[in-house]
PDB file of N, CA and C in Angstrom:
ATOM      1  N   UNK A   1      37.054  87.021 186.135  1.00  0.00           N
ATOM      2  CA  UNK A   1      37.646  88.343 186.040  1.00  0.00           C
ATOM      3  C   UNK A   1      38.031  88.668 184.595  1.00  0.00           C
ATOM      4  N   UNK A   2      38.434  87.674 183.841  1.00  0.00           N
ATOM      5  CA  UNK A   2      38.843  87.891 182.461  1.00  0.00           C
ATOM      6  C   UNK A   2      37.690  88.445 181.629  1.00  0.00           C
ATOM      7  N   UNK A   3      36.484  88.020 181.807  1.00  0.00           N
ATOM      8  CA  UNK A   3      35.338  88.511 181.072  1.00  0.00           C
ATOM      9  C   UNK A   3      35.079  89.986 181.336  1.00  0.00           C
ATOM     10  N   UNK A   4      35.322  90.420 182.562  1.00  0.00           N
ATOM     11  CA  UNK A   4      35.138  91.830 182.908  1.00  0.00           C
ATOM     12  C   UNK A   4      36.185  92.674 182.194  1.00  0.00           C
ATOM     13  N   UNK A   5      37.414  92.229 182.149  1.00  0.00           N
ATOM     14  CA  UNK A   5      38.490  92.961 181.490  1.00  0.00           C
ATOM     15  C   UNK A   5      38.219  93.084 179.995  1.00  0.00           C
ATOM     16  N   UNK A   6      37.795  92.021 179.359  1.00  0.00           N
ATOM     17  CA  UNK A   6      37.512  92.067 177.931  1.00  0.00           C
ATOM     18  C   UNK A   6      36.339  92.991 177.638  1.00  0.00           C
ATOM     19  N   UNK A   7      35.315  92.953 178.429  1.00  0.00           N
ATOM     20  CA  UNK A   7      34.161  93.837 178.217  1.00  0.00           C
ATOM     21  C   UNK A   7      34.572  95.282 178.385  1.00  0.00           C
ATOM     22  N   UNK A   8      35.414  95.568 179.345  1.00  0.00           N
ATOM     23  CA  UNK A   8      35.883  96.933 179.592  1.00  0.00           C
ATOM     24  C   UNK A   8      36.729  97.421 178.416  1.00  0.00           C
ATOM     25  N   UNK A   9      37.643  96.592 177.907  1.00  0.00           N
ATOM     26  CA  UNK A   9      38.483  97.026 176.799  1.00  0.00           C
ATOM     27  C   UNK A   9      37.670  97.202 175.517  1.00  0.00           C
ATOM     28  N   UNK A  10      36.662  96.387 175.284  1.00  0.00           N
ATOM     29  CA  UNK A  10      35.808  96.566 174.107  1.00  0.00           C
ATOM     30  C   UNK A  10      35.054  97.877 174.220  1.00  0.00           C
ATOM     31  N   UNK A  11      34.577  98.186 175.396  1.00  0.00           N
ATOM     32  CA  UNK A  11      33.842  99.430 175.589  1.00  0.00           C
ATOM     33  C   UNK A  11      34.764 100.641 175.416  1.00  0.00           C
ATOM     34  N   UNK A  12      35.992 100.565 175.907  1.00  0.00           N
ATOM     35  CA  UNK A  12      36.926 101.685 175.812  1.00  0.00           C
ATOM     36  C   UNK A  12      37.341 101.949 174.366  1.00  0.00           C
ATOM     37  N   UNK A  13      37.485 100.939 173.560  1.00  0.00           N
ATOM     38  CA  UNK A  13      38.012 101.089 172.216  1.00  0.00           C
ATOM     39  C   UNK A  13      36.940 100.932 171.129  1.00  0.00           C
ATOM     40  N   UNK A  14      35.684 101.112 171.483  1.00  0.00           N
ATOM     41  CA  UNK A  14      34.636 100.919 170.499  1.00  0.00           C
ATOM     42  C   UNK A  14      34.445 102.131 169.601  1.00  0.00           C
ATOM     43  N   UNK A  15      35.100 103.251 169.887  1.00  0.00           N
ATOM     44  CA  UNK A  15      35.003 104.431 169.038  1.00  0.00           C
ATOM     45  C   UNK A  15      34.224 105.543 169.723  1.00  0.00           C
ATOM     46  N   UNK A  16      34.136 106.691 169.093  1.00  0.00           N
ATOM     47  CA  UNK A  16      33.458 107.831 169.717  1.00  0.00           C
ATOM     48  C   UNK A  16      31.949 107.614 169.782  1.00  0.00           C
ATOM     49  N   UNK A  17      31.367 108.114 170.846  1.00  0.00           N
ATOM     50  CA  UNK A  17      29.917 107.988 170.971  1.00  0.00           C
ATOM     51  C   UNK A  17      29.210 109.098 170.207  1.00  0.00           C
ATOM     52  N   UNK A  18      29.887 110.238 169.990  1.00  0.00           N
ATOM     53  CA  UNK A  18      29.299 111.367 169.260  1.00  0.00           C
ATOM     54  C   UNK A  18      30.134 111.620 168.009  1.00  0.00           C
ATOM     55  N   UNK A  19      29.667 111.203 166.826  1.00  0.00           N
ATOM     56  CA  UNK A  19      30.496 111.357 165.615  1.00  0.00           C
ATOM     57  C   UNK A  19      30.628 112.807 165.152  1.00  0.00           C
ATOM     58  N   UNK A  20      29.874 113.755 165.696  1.00  0.00           N
ATOM     59  CA  UNK A  20      29.927 115.146 165.257  1.00  0.00           C
ATOM     60  C   UNK A  20      30.684 116.041 166.226  1.00  0.00           C
ATOM     61  N   UNK A  21      31.558 115.475 167.005  1.00  0.00           N
ATOM     62  CA  UNK A  21      32.321 116.300 167.945  1.00  0.00           C
ATOM     63  C   UNK A  21      33.370 117.121 167.194  1.00  0.00           C
ATOM     64  N   UNK A  22      33.875 118.210 167.762  1.00  0.00           N
ATOM     65  CA  UNK A  22      34.863 119.061 167.059  1.00  0.00           C
ATOM     66  C   UNK A  22      36.168 118.317 166.810  1.00  0.00           C
ATOM     67  N   UNK A  23      36.932 118.839 165.866  1.00  0.00           N
ATOM     68  CA  UNK A  23      38.219 118.228 165.529  1.00  0.00           C
ATOM     69  C   UNK A  23      39.158 118.288 166.731  1.00  0.00           C
ATOM     70  N   UNK A  24      39.953 117.268 166.912  1.00  0.00           N
ATOM     71  CA  UNK A  24      40.920 117.301 168.012  1.00  0.00           C
ATOM     72  C   UNK A  24      42.011 118.337 167.734  1.00  0.00           C
ATOM     73  N   UNK A  25      42.677 118.800 168.777  1.00  0.00           N
ATOM     74  CA  UNK A  25      43.718 119.822 168.593  1.00  0.00           C
ATOM     75  C   UNK A  25      44.808 119.391 167.619  1.00  0.00           C
ATOM     76  N   UNK A  26      45.094 118.088 167.544  1.00  0.00           N
ATOM     77  CA  UNK A  26      46.153 117.618 166.651  1.00  0.00           C
ATOM     78  C   UNK A  26      45.834 117.962 165.198  1.00  0.00           C
ATOM     79  N   UNK A  27      44.579 117.819 164.771  1.00  0.00           N
ATOM     80  CA  UNK A  27      44.192 118.129 163.401  1.00  0.00           C
ATOM     81  C   UNK A  27      44.325 119.631 163.154  1.00  0.00           C
ATOM     82  N   UNK A  28      43.938 120.436 164.135  1.00  0.00           N
ATOM     83  CA  UNK A  28      44.101 121.887 164.005  1.00  0.00           C
ATOM     84  C   UNK A  28      45.574 122.258 163.899  1.00  0.00           C
ATOM     85  N   UNK A  29      46.432 121.570 164.658  1.00  0.00           N
ATOM     86  CA  UNK A  29      47.872 121.830 164.589  1.00  0.00           C
ATOM     87  C   UNK A  29      48.415 121.465 163.215  1.00  0.00           C
ATOM     88  N   UNK A  30      47.922 120.373 162.639  1.00  0.00           N
ATOM     89  CA  UNK A  30      48.358 119.991 161.298  1.00  0.00           C
ATOM     90  C   UNK A  30      47.981 121.067 160.285  1.00  0.00           C
ATOM     91  N   UNK A  31      46.777 121.626 160.416  1.00  0.00           N
ATOM     92  CA  UNK A  31      46.334 122.671 159.501  1.00  0.00           C
ATOM     93  C   UNK A  31      47.214 123.907 159.627  1.00  0.00           C
ATOM     94  N   UNK A  32      47.540 124.286 160.847  1.00  0.00           N
ATOM     95  CA  UNK A  32      48.414 125.444 161.074  1.00  0.00           C
ATOM     96  C   UNK A  32      49.797 125.177 160.485  1.00  0.00           C
ATOM     97  N   UNK A  33      50.287 123.957 160.654  1.00  0.00           N
ATOM     98  CA  UNK A  33      51.602 123.589 160.103  1.00  0.00           C
ATOM     99  C   UNK A  33      51.574 123.631 158.576  1.00  0.00           C
ATOM    100  N   UNK A  34      50.495 123.178 157.964  1.00  0.00           N
ATOM    101  CA  UNK A  34      50.375 123.230 156.509  1.00  0.00           C
ATOM    102  C   UNK A  34      50.363 124.678 156.021  1.00  0.00           C
ATOM    103  N   UNK A  35      49.670 125.552 156.734  1.00  0.00           N
ATOM    104  CA  UNK A  35      49.653 126.968 156.355  1.00  0.00           C
ATOM    105  C   UNK A  35      51.056 127.565 156.457  1.00  0.00           C
ATOM    106  N   UNK A  36      51.793 127.198 157.493  1.00  0.00           N
ATOM    107  CA  UNK A  36      53.157 127.701 157.660  1.00  0.00           C
ATOM    108  C   UNK A  36      54.048 127.229 156.514  1.00  0.00           C
ATOM    109  N   UNK A  37      53.896 125.958 156.130  1.00  0.00           N
ATOM    110  CA  UNK A  37      54.705 125.418 155.032  1.00  0.00           C
ATOM    111  C   UNK A  37      54.365 126.088 153.702  1.00  0.00           C
ATOM    112  N   UNK A  38      53.090 126.342 153.458  1.00  0.00           N
ATOM    113  CA  UNK A  38      52.696 127.018 152.220  1.00  0.00           C
ATOM    114  C   UNK A  38      53.293 128.421 152.173  1.00  0.00           C
ATOM    115  N   UNK A  39      53.269 129.131 153.306  1.00  0.00           N
ATOM    116  CA  UNK A  39      53.866 130.472 153.349  1.00  0.00           C
ATOM    117  C   UNK A  39      55.363 130.394 153.069  1.00  0.00           C
ATOM    118  N   UNK A  40      56.027 129.385 153.595  1.00  0.00           N
ATOM    119  CA  UNK A  40      57.459 129.231 153.359  1.00  0.00           C
ATOM    120  C   UNK A  40      57.750 128.919 151.885  1.00  0.00           C
ATOM    121  N   UNK A  41      56.913 128.104 151.271  1.00  0.00           N
ATOM    122  CA  UNK A  41      57.080 127.800 149.842  1.00  0.00           C
ATOM    123  C   UNK A  41      56.937 129.072 149.012  1.00  0.00           C
ATOM    124  N   UNK A  42      55.948 129.916 149.361  1.00  0.00           N
ATOM    125  CA  UNK A  42      55.776 131.177 148.636  1.00  0.00           C
ATOM    126  C   UNK A  42      57.010 132.068 148.789  1.00  0.00           C
ATOM    127  N   UNK A  43      57.579 132.109 149.974  1.00  0.00           N
ATOM    128  CA  UNK A  43      58.804 132.900 150.181  1.00  0.00           C
ATOM    129  C   UNK A  43      59.949 132.363 149.338  1.00  0.00           C
ATOM    130  N   UNK A  44      60.089 131.036 149.294  1.00  0.00           N
ATOM    131  CA  UNK A  44      61.168 130.439 148.500  1.00  0.00           C
ATOM    132  C   UNK A  44      60.955 130.664 147.005  1.00  0.00           C
ATOM    133  N   UNK A  45      59.716 130.627 146.554  1.00  0.00           N
ATOM    134  CA  UNK A  45      59.437 130.893 145.142  1.00  0.00           C
ATOM    135  C   UNK A  45      59.777 132.344 144.790  1.00  0.00           C
ATOM    136  N   UNK A  46      59.488 133.267 145.701  1.00  0.00           N
ATOM    137  CA  UNK A  46      59.845 134.670 145.466  1.00  0.00           C
ATOM    138  C   UNK A  46      61.362 134.814 145.382  1.00  0.00           C
ATOM    139  N   UNK A  47      62.090 134.099 146.243  1.00  0.00           N
ATOM    140  CA  UNK A  47      63.552 134.128 146.191  1.00  0.00           C
ATOM    141  C   UNK A  47      64.050 133.570 144.858  1.00  0.00           C
ATOM    142  N   UNK A  48      63.446 132.482 144.388  1.00  0.00           N
ATOM    143  CA  UNK A  48      63.832 131.911 143.090  1.00  0.00           C
ATOM    144  C   UNK A  48      63.585 132.907 141.957  1.00  0.00           C
ATOM    145  N   UNK A  49      62.459 133.618 142.031  1.00  0.00           N
ATOM    146  CA  UNK A  49      62.168 134.623 141.004  1.00  0.00           C
ATOM    147  C   UNK A  49      63.224 135.726 140.997  1.00  0.00           C
ATOM    148  N   UNK A  50      63.639 136.172 142.196  1.00  0.00           N
ATOM    149  CA  UNK A  50      64.681 137.215 142.269  1.00  0.00           C
ATOM    150  C   UNK A  50      66.009 136.690 141.740  1.00  0.00           C
ATOM    151  N   UNK A  51      66.348 135.455 142.072  1.00  0.00           N
ATOM    152  CA  UNK A  51      67.598 134.872 141.564  1.00  0.00           C
ATOM    153  C   UNK A  51      67.564 134.735 140.051  1.00  0.00           C
ATOM    154  N   UNK A  52      66.429 134.314 139.509  1.00  0.00           N
ATOM    155  CA  UNK A  52      66.303 134.186 138.060  1.00  0.00           C
ATOM    156  C   UNK A  52      66.442 135.544 137.376  1.00  0.00           C
ATOM    157  N   UNK A  53      65.841 136.576 137.953  1.00  0.00           N
ATOM    158  CA  UNK A  53      65.965 137.924 137.390  1.00  0.00           C
ATOM    159  C   UNK A  53      67.422 138.382 137.432  1.00  0.00           C
ATOM    160  N   UNK A  54      68.123 138.046 138.509  1.00  0.00           N
ATOM    161  CA  UNK A  54      69.542 138.392 138.605  1.00  0.00           C
ATOM    162  C   UNK A  54      70.375 137.677 137.558  1.00  0.00           C
ATOM    163  N   UNK A  55      70.063 136.415 137.317  1.00  0.00           N
ATOM    164  CA  UNK A  55      70.790 135.666 136.280  1.00  0.00           C
ATOM    165  C   UNK A  55      70.516 136.243 134.897  1.00  0.00           C
ATOM    166  N   UNK A  56      69.272 136.637 134.642  1.00  0.00           N
ATOM    167  CA  UNK A  56      68.948 137.251 133.353  1.00  0.00           C
ATOM    168  C   UNK A  56      69.721 138.558 133.170  1.00  0.00           C
ATOM    169  N   UNK A  57      69.817 139.342 134.239  1.00  0.00           N
ATOM    170  CA  UNK A  57      70.567 140.599 134.158  1.00  0.00           C
ATOM    171  C   UNK A  57      72.044 140.319 133.919  1.00  0.00           C
ATOM    172  N   UNK A  58      72.564 139.291 134.558  1.00  0.00           N
ATOM    173  CA  UNK A  58      73.974 138.926 134.375  1.00  0.00           C
ATOM    174  C   UNK A  58      74.223 138.489 132.937  1.00  0.00           C
ATOM    175  N   UNK A  59      73.311 137.708 132.381  1.00  0.00           N
ATOM    176  CA  UNK A  59      73.461 137.288 130.981  1.00  0.00           C
ATOM    177  C   UNK A  59      73.454 138.492 130.047  1.00  0.00           C
ATOM    178  N   UNK A  60      72.569 139.443 130.305  1.00  0.00           N
ATOM    179  CA  UNK A  60      72.520 140.650 129.478  1.00  0.00           C
ATOM    180  C   UNK A  60      73.804 141.450 129.567  1.00  0.00           C
ATOM    181  N   UNK A  61      74.335 141.563 130.780  1.00  0.00           N
ATOM    182  CA  UNK A  61      75.592 142.289 130.973  1.00  0.00           C
ATOM    183  C   UNK A  61      76.733 141.574 130.259  1.00  0.00           C
ATOM    184  N   UNK A  62      76.762 140.246 130.383  1.00  0.00           N
ATOM    185  CA  UNK A  62      77.814 139.470 129.719  1.00  0.00           C
ATOM    186  C   UNK A  62      77.741 139.661 128.200  1.00  0.00           C
ATOM    187  N   UNK A  63      76.553 139.616 127.657  1.00  0.00           N
ATOM    188  CA  UNK A  63      76.405 139.794 126.211  1.00  0.00           C
ATOM    189  C   UNK A  63      76.836 141.202 125.763  1.00  0.00           C
ATOM    190  N   UNK A  64      76.485 142.213 126.540  1.00  0.00           N
ATOM    191  CA  UNK A  64      76.897 143.581 126.190  1.00  0.00           C
ATOM    192  C   UNK A  64      78.417 143.719 126.245  1.00  0.00           C
ATOM    193  N   UNK A  65      79.039 143.132 127.270  1.00  0.00           N
ATOM    194  CA  UNK A  65      80.501 143.195 127.374  1.00  0.00           C
ATOM    195  C   UNK A  65      81.170 142.475 126.208  1.00  0.00           C
ATOM    196  N   UNK A  66      80.638 141.301 125.863  1.00  0.00           N
ATOM    197  CA  UNK A  66      81.197 140.586 124.711  1.00  0.00           C
ATOM    198  C   UNK A  66      81.059 141.419 123.437  1.00  0.00           C
ATOM    199  N   UNK A  67      79.904 142.010 123.254  1.00  0.00           N
ATOM    200  CA  UNK A  67      79.653 142.797 122.055  1.00  0.00           C
ATOM    201  C   UNK A  67      80.574 144.012 121.983  1.00  0.00           C
ATOM    202  N   UNK A  68      80.780 144.654 123.144  1.00  0.00           N
ATOM    203  CA  UNK A  68      81.588 145.878 123.167  1.00  0.00           C
ATOM    204  C   UNK A  68      83.088 145.603 123.067  1.00  0.00           C
ATOM    205  N   UNK A  69      83.545 144.424 123.484  1.00  0.00           N
ATOM    206  CA  UNK A  69      84.989 144.185 123.527  1.00  0.00           C
ATOM    207  C   UNK A  69      85.512 143.354 122.352  1.00  0.00           C
ATOM    208  N   UNK A  70      84.670 142.564 121.726  1.00  0.00           N
ATOM    209  CA  UNK A  70      85.140 141.694 120.658  1.00  0.00           C
ATOM    210  C   UNK A  70      84.785 142.275 119.295  1.00  0.00           C
ATOM    211  N   UNK A  71      85.541 141.859 118.302  1.00  0.00           N
ATOM    212  CA  UNK A  71      85.206 142.233 116.923  1.00  0.00           C
ATOM    213  C   UNK A  71      83.911 141.512 116.535  1.00  0.00           C
ATOM    214  N   UNK A  72      83.209 141.978 115.545  1.00  0.00           N
ATOM    215  CA  UNK A  72      81.931 141.339 115.173  1.00  0.00           C
ATOM    216  C   UNK A  72      82.040 139.837 114.906  1.00  0.00           C
ATOM    217  N   UNK A  73      83.083 139.390 114.224  1.00  0.00           N
ATOM    218  CA  UNK A  73      83.200 137.958 113.932  1.00  0.00           C
ATOM    219  C   UNK A  73      83.505 137.163 115.211  1.00  0.00           C
ATOM    220  N   UNK A  74      84.340 137.717 116.102  1.00  0.00           N
ATOM    221  CA  UNK A  74      84.648 137.030 117.356  1.00  0.00           C
ATOM    222  C   UNK A  74      83.412 136.989 118.256  1.00  0.00           C
ATOM    223  N   UNK A  75      82.610 138.083 118.250  1.00  0.00           N
ATOM    224  CA  UNK A  75      81.375 138.116 119.047  1.00  0.00           C
ATOM    225  C   UNK A  75      80.408 137.055 118.548  1.00  0.00           C
ATOM    226  N   UNK A  76      80.276 136.954 117.235  1.00  0.00           N
ATOM    227  CA  UNK A  76      79.366 135.969 116.665  1.00  0.00           C
ATOM    228  C   UNK A  76      79.818 134.556 117.042  1.00  0.00           C
ATOM    229  N   UNK A  77      81.106 134.300 116.991  1.00  0.00           N
ATOM    230  CA  UNK A  77      81.622 132.974 117.352  1.00  0.00           C
ATOM    231  C   UNK A  77      81.404 132.709 118.839  1.00  0.00           C
ATOM    232  N   UNK A  78      81.582 133.728 119.670  1.00  0.00           N
ATOM    233  CA  UNK A  78      81.410 133.536 121.125  1.00  0.00           C
ATOM    234  C   UNK A  78      79.950 133.291 121.480  1.00  0.00           C
ATOM    235  N   UNK A  79      79.033 134.006 120.843  1.00  0.00           N
ATOM    236  CA  UNK A  79      77.623 133.841 121.179  1.00  0.00           C
ATOM    237  C   UNK A  79      77.063 132.553 120.602  1.00  0.00           C
ATOM    238  N   UNK A  80      77.508 132.157 119.416  1.00  0.00           N
ATOM    239  CA  UNK A  80      77.059 130.896 118.829  1.00  0.00           C
ATOM    240  C   UNK A  80      77.598 129.741 119.674  1.00  0.00           C
ATOM    241  N   UNK A  81      78.826 129.843 120.123  1.00  0.00           N
ATOM    242  CA  UNK A  81      79.415 128.814 120.978  1.00  0.00           C
ATOM    243  C   UNK A  81      78.692 128.705 122.303  1.00  0.00           C
ATOM    244  N   UNK A  82      78.252 129.849 122.857  1.00  0.00           N
ATOM    245  CA  UNK A  82      77.549 129.839 124.143  1.00  0.00           C
ATOM    246  C   UNK A  82      76.166 129.231 123.984  1.00  0.00           C
ATOM    247  N   UNK A  83      75.510 129.500 122.873  1.00  0.00           N
ATOM    248  CA  UNK A  83      74.170 128.959 122.646  1.00  0.00           C
ATOM    249  C   UNK A  83      74.246 127.481 122.373  1.00  0.00           C
ATOM    250  N   UNK A  84      75.240 127.060 121.633  1.00  0.00           N
ATOM    251  CA  UNK A  84      75.378 125.633 121.284  1.00  0.00           C
ATOM    252  C   UNK A  84      75.827 124.782 122.461  1.00  0.00           C
ATOM    253  N   UNK A  85      76.414 125.390 123.474  1.00  0.00           N
ATOM    254  CA  UNK A  85      76.942 124.613 124.604  1.00  0.00           C
ATOM    255  C   UNK A  85      75.861 124.117 125.505  1.00  0.00           C
TER     256      UNK A  85
END
């Protein structure tokens, strides 16, 4: 009986008989998941771009406020200190 069991298991696990069969659903699911992740990365990159633009606008506003409120020498000291930091 042992010889029959071994022959059966070798036959079951010997691999596909048709190497050109279509991809299994799991591979298709992986591809769909990869597409979803790429779309999410693009959304996050767009959010980063908007945040960066907001920070640039904030820096511009801060510089204008410093320029308008401080004397020229104090403004120069404040901006040099900010750049050096």
